[in-house]
């Protein structure tokens, strides 16, 4: 069996209201940015219960969008960033925080499953040295 570092990450597709994206792996720079964004998201989640003005939800959607901008790249000629789509849907009342965080969880789980099963279909692609 051969293990290649170039194959260590297996992207998965994501659909945001018809706009198609695929996940990208974090490099040093994006990991630093993502860590800061995640810390801010967690801070905002704590404040959400005390939000009398309704601004925390807006800030959460914006920060989560920034995180998805790092994690997803458009495919099939798409030009919009995930953050742009999320903000528009949030303002149009077409997105709830429950939906947003459910999507994030599902995306993470799907990514883990894709990586765990990577190589199982390599025989079709001629990419595995594993005995059958």
Protein backbone atom coordinates (compact mmCIF):
# COMPACT_ATOMS: atom_id res chain seq x y z
CA UNK A 1 0.00 0.00 0.00
CA UNK A 2 1.26 3.45 -0.86
CA UNK A 3 0.38 6.56 1.12
CA UNK A 4 0.92 9.87 -0.64
CA UNK A 5 0.75 13.22 1.12
CA UNK A 6 -0.97 14.78 -1.89
CA UNK A 7 -3.90 12.41 -1.28
CA UNK A 8 -4.19 13.07 2.45
CA UNK A 9 -7.18 15.41 1.99
CA UNK A 10 -10.32 14.43 0.12
CA UNK A 11 -12.63 17.37 -0.66
CA UNK A 12 -16.40 17.11 -0.34
CA UNK A 13 -19.05 19.15 -2.11
CA UNK A 14 -21.29 21.66 -0.38
CA UNK A 15 -24.42 23.31 -1.75
CA UNK A 16 -25.57 26.73 -0.55
CA UNK A 17 -28.92 27.37 -2.21
CA UNK A 18 -27.72 26.11 -5.57
CA UNK A 19 -24.21 27.56 -5.42
CA UNK A 20 -21.72 24.70 -5.45
CA UNK A 21 -18.53 24.61 -3.40
CA UNK A 22 -15.93 22.08 -2.33
CA UNK A 23 -13.91 21.97 0.84
CA UNK A 24 -10.25 22.92 0.86
CA UNK A 25 -7.61 21.90 3.35
CA UNK A 26 -6.18 24.41 5.81
CA UNK A 27 -2.64 25.60 5.28
CA UNK A 28 -0.64 27.45 7.93
CA UNK A 29 -2.07 30.84 7.02
CA UNK A 30 -5.70 29.77 6.76
CA UNK A 31 -5.42 27.77 9.99
CA UNK A 32 -4.27 30.87 11.86
CA UNK A 33 -7.20 32.86 10.45
CA UNK A 34 -9.67 30.05 11.13
CA UNK A 35 -8.51 29.74 14.74
CA UNK A 36 -9.18 33.45 15.34
CA UNK A 37 -12.56 33.26 13.64
CA UNK A 38 -13.57 30.17 15.64
CA UNK A 39 -12.62 31.89 18.91
CA UNK A 40 -14.76 34.89 17.97
CA UNK A 41 -17.69 32.63 17.00
CA UNK A 42 -17.51 30.89 20.38
CA UNK A 43 -17.39 34.27 22.16
CA UNK A 44 -20.44 35.46 20.24
CA UNK A 45 -22.36 32.26 20.96
CA UNK A 46 -21.94 32.92 24.69
CA UNK A 47 -23.28 36.46 24.27
CA UNK A 48 -26.23 35.36 22.13
CA UNK A 49 -28.49 34.69 25.12
CA UNK A 50 -27.93 38.24 26.40
CA UNK A 51 -28.51 39.92 23.03
CA UNK A 52 -31.27 42.50 23.47
CA UNK A 53 -30.64 44.38 20.23
CA UNK A 54 -30.43 41.36 17.91
CA UNK A 55 -26.97 42.30 16.65
CA UNK A 56 -25.16 39.18 17.86
CA UNK A 57 -26.95 36.99 15.33
CA UNK A 58 -25.80 39.30 12.54
CA UNK A 59 -22.23 39.16 13.84
CA UNK A 60 -22.37 35.36 14.15
CA UNK A 61 -23.55 34.91 10.58
CA UNK A 62 -20.80 37.25 9.38
CA UNK A 63 -18.05 35.43 11.33
CA UNK A 64 -19.25 31.95 10.34
CA UNK A 65 -19.36 33.19 6.74
CA UNK A 66 -15.74 34.34 7.01
CA UNK A 67 -14.83 30.88 8.26
CA UNK A 68 -16.65 29.21 5.37
CA UNK A 69 -14.87 31.54 2.94
CA UNK A 70 -11.63 29.92 4.15
CA UNK A 71 -13.03 26.40 4.06
CA UNK A 72 -14.98 26.38 0.79
CA UNK A 73 -14.07 27.29 -2.78
CA UNK A 74 -16.58 27.80 -5.56
CA UNK A 75 -16.83 25.16 -8.27
CA UNK A 76 -18.68 25.03 -11.57
CA UNK A 77 -17.87 28.65 -12.37
CA UNK A 78 -19.38 30.06 -9.17
CA UNK A 79 -18.20 33.50 -8.15
CA UNK A 80 -20.06 34.25 -4.92
CA UNK A 81 -18.39 33.67 -1.58
CA UNK A 82 -20.20 31.63 1.06
CA UNK A 83 -20.27 34.70 3.35
CA UNK A 84 -22.11 36.76 0.72
CA UNK A 85 -24.75 34.06 0.28
CA UNK A 86 -25.21 33.54 4.03
CA UNK A 87 -25.59 37.25 4.78
CA UNK A 88 -28.19 37.66 2.03
CA UNK A 89 -30.19 34.63 3.22
CA UNK A 90 -29.96 35.77 6.85
CA UNK A 91 -31.23 39.28 6.00
CA UNK A 92 -34.02 37.79 3.86
CA UNK A 93 -35.11 35.61 6.84
CA UNK A 94 -34.30 32.45 4.83
CA UNK A 95 -31.63 31.22 7.27
CA UNK A 96 -31.71 30.41 10.96
CA UNK A 97 -28.74 29.95 13.27
CA UNK A 98 -29.92 26.38 13.88
CA UNK A 99 -29.71 25.70 10.13
CA UNK A 100 -26.31 27.37 9.88
CA UNK A 101 -24.71 25.46 12.73
CA UNK A 102 -26.39 22.24 11.57
CA UNK A 103 -24.80 22.75 8.15
CA UNK A 104 -21.38 23.35 9.73
CA UNK A 105 -21.70 20.14 11.75
CA UNK A 106 -22.85 18.12 8.76
CA UNK A 107 -20.03 19.50 6.64
CA UNK A 108 -17.47 18.51 9.26
CA UNK A 109 -18.93 15.02 9.65
CA UNK A 110 -19.09 14.48 5.89
CA UNK A 111 -15.45 15.59 5.60
CA UNK A 112 -14.39 13.11 8.30
CA UNK A 113 -16.31 10.27 6.64
CA UNK A 114 -14.81 11.09 3.23
CA UNK A 115 -11.31 10.97 4.64
CA UNK A 116 -12.02 7.78 6.60
CA UNK A 117 -13.26 6.01 3.47
CA UNK A 118 -10.62 7.51 1.14
CA UNK A 119 -9.10 4.82 -1.01
CA UNK A 120 -12.04 2.41 -0.91
CA UNK A 121 -12.89 3.21 -4.51
CA UNK A 122 -9.30 3.57 -5.71
CA UNK A 123 -9.47 0.34 -7.70
CA UNK A 124 -11.65 2.16 -10.23
CA UNK A 125 -9.10 4.96 -10.41
CA UNK A 126 -6.07 2.71 -10.37
CA UNK A 127 -4.74 4.51 -7.30
CA UNK A 128 -4.22 1.79 -4.71
CA UNK A 129 -1.53 -0.79 -4.22
CA UNK A 130 -3.70 -2.56 -1.65
CA UNK A 131 -4.39 -6.24 -2.31
CA UNK A 132 -8.02 -7.05 -3.15
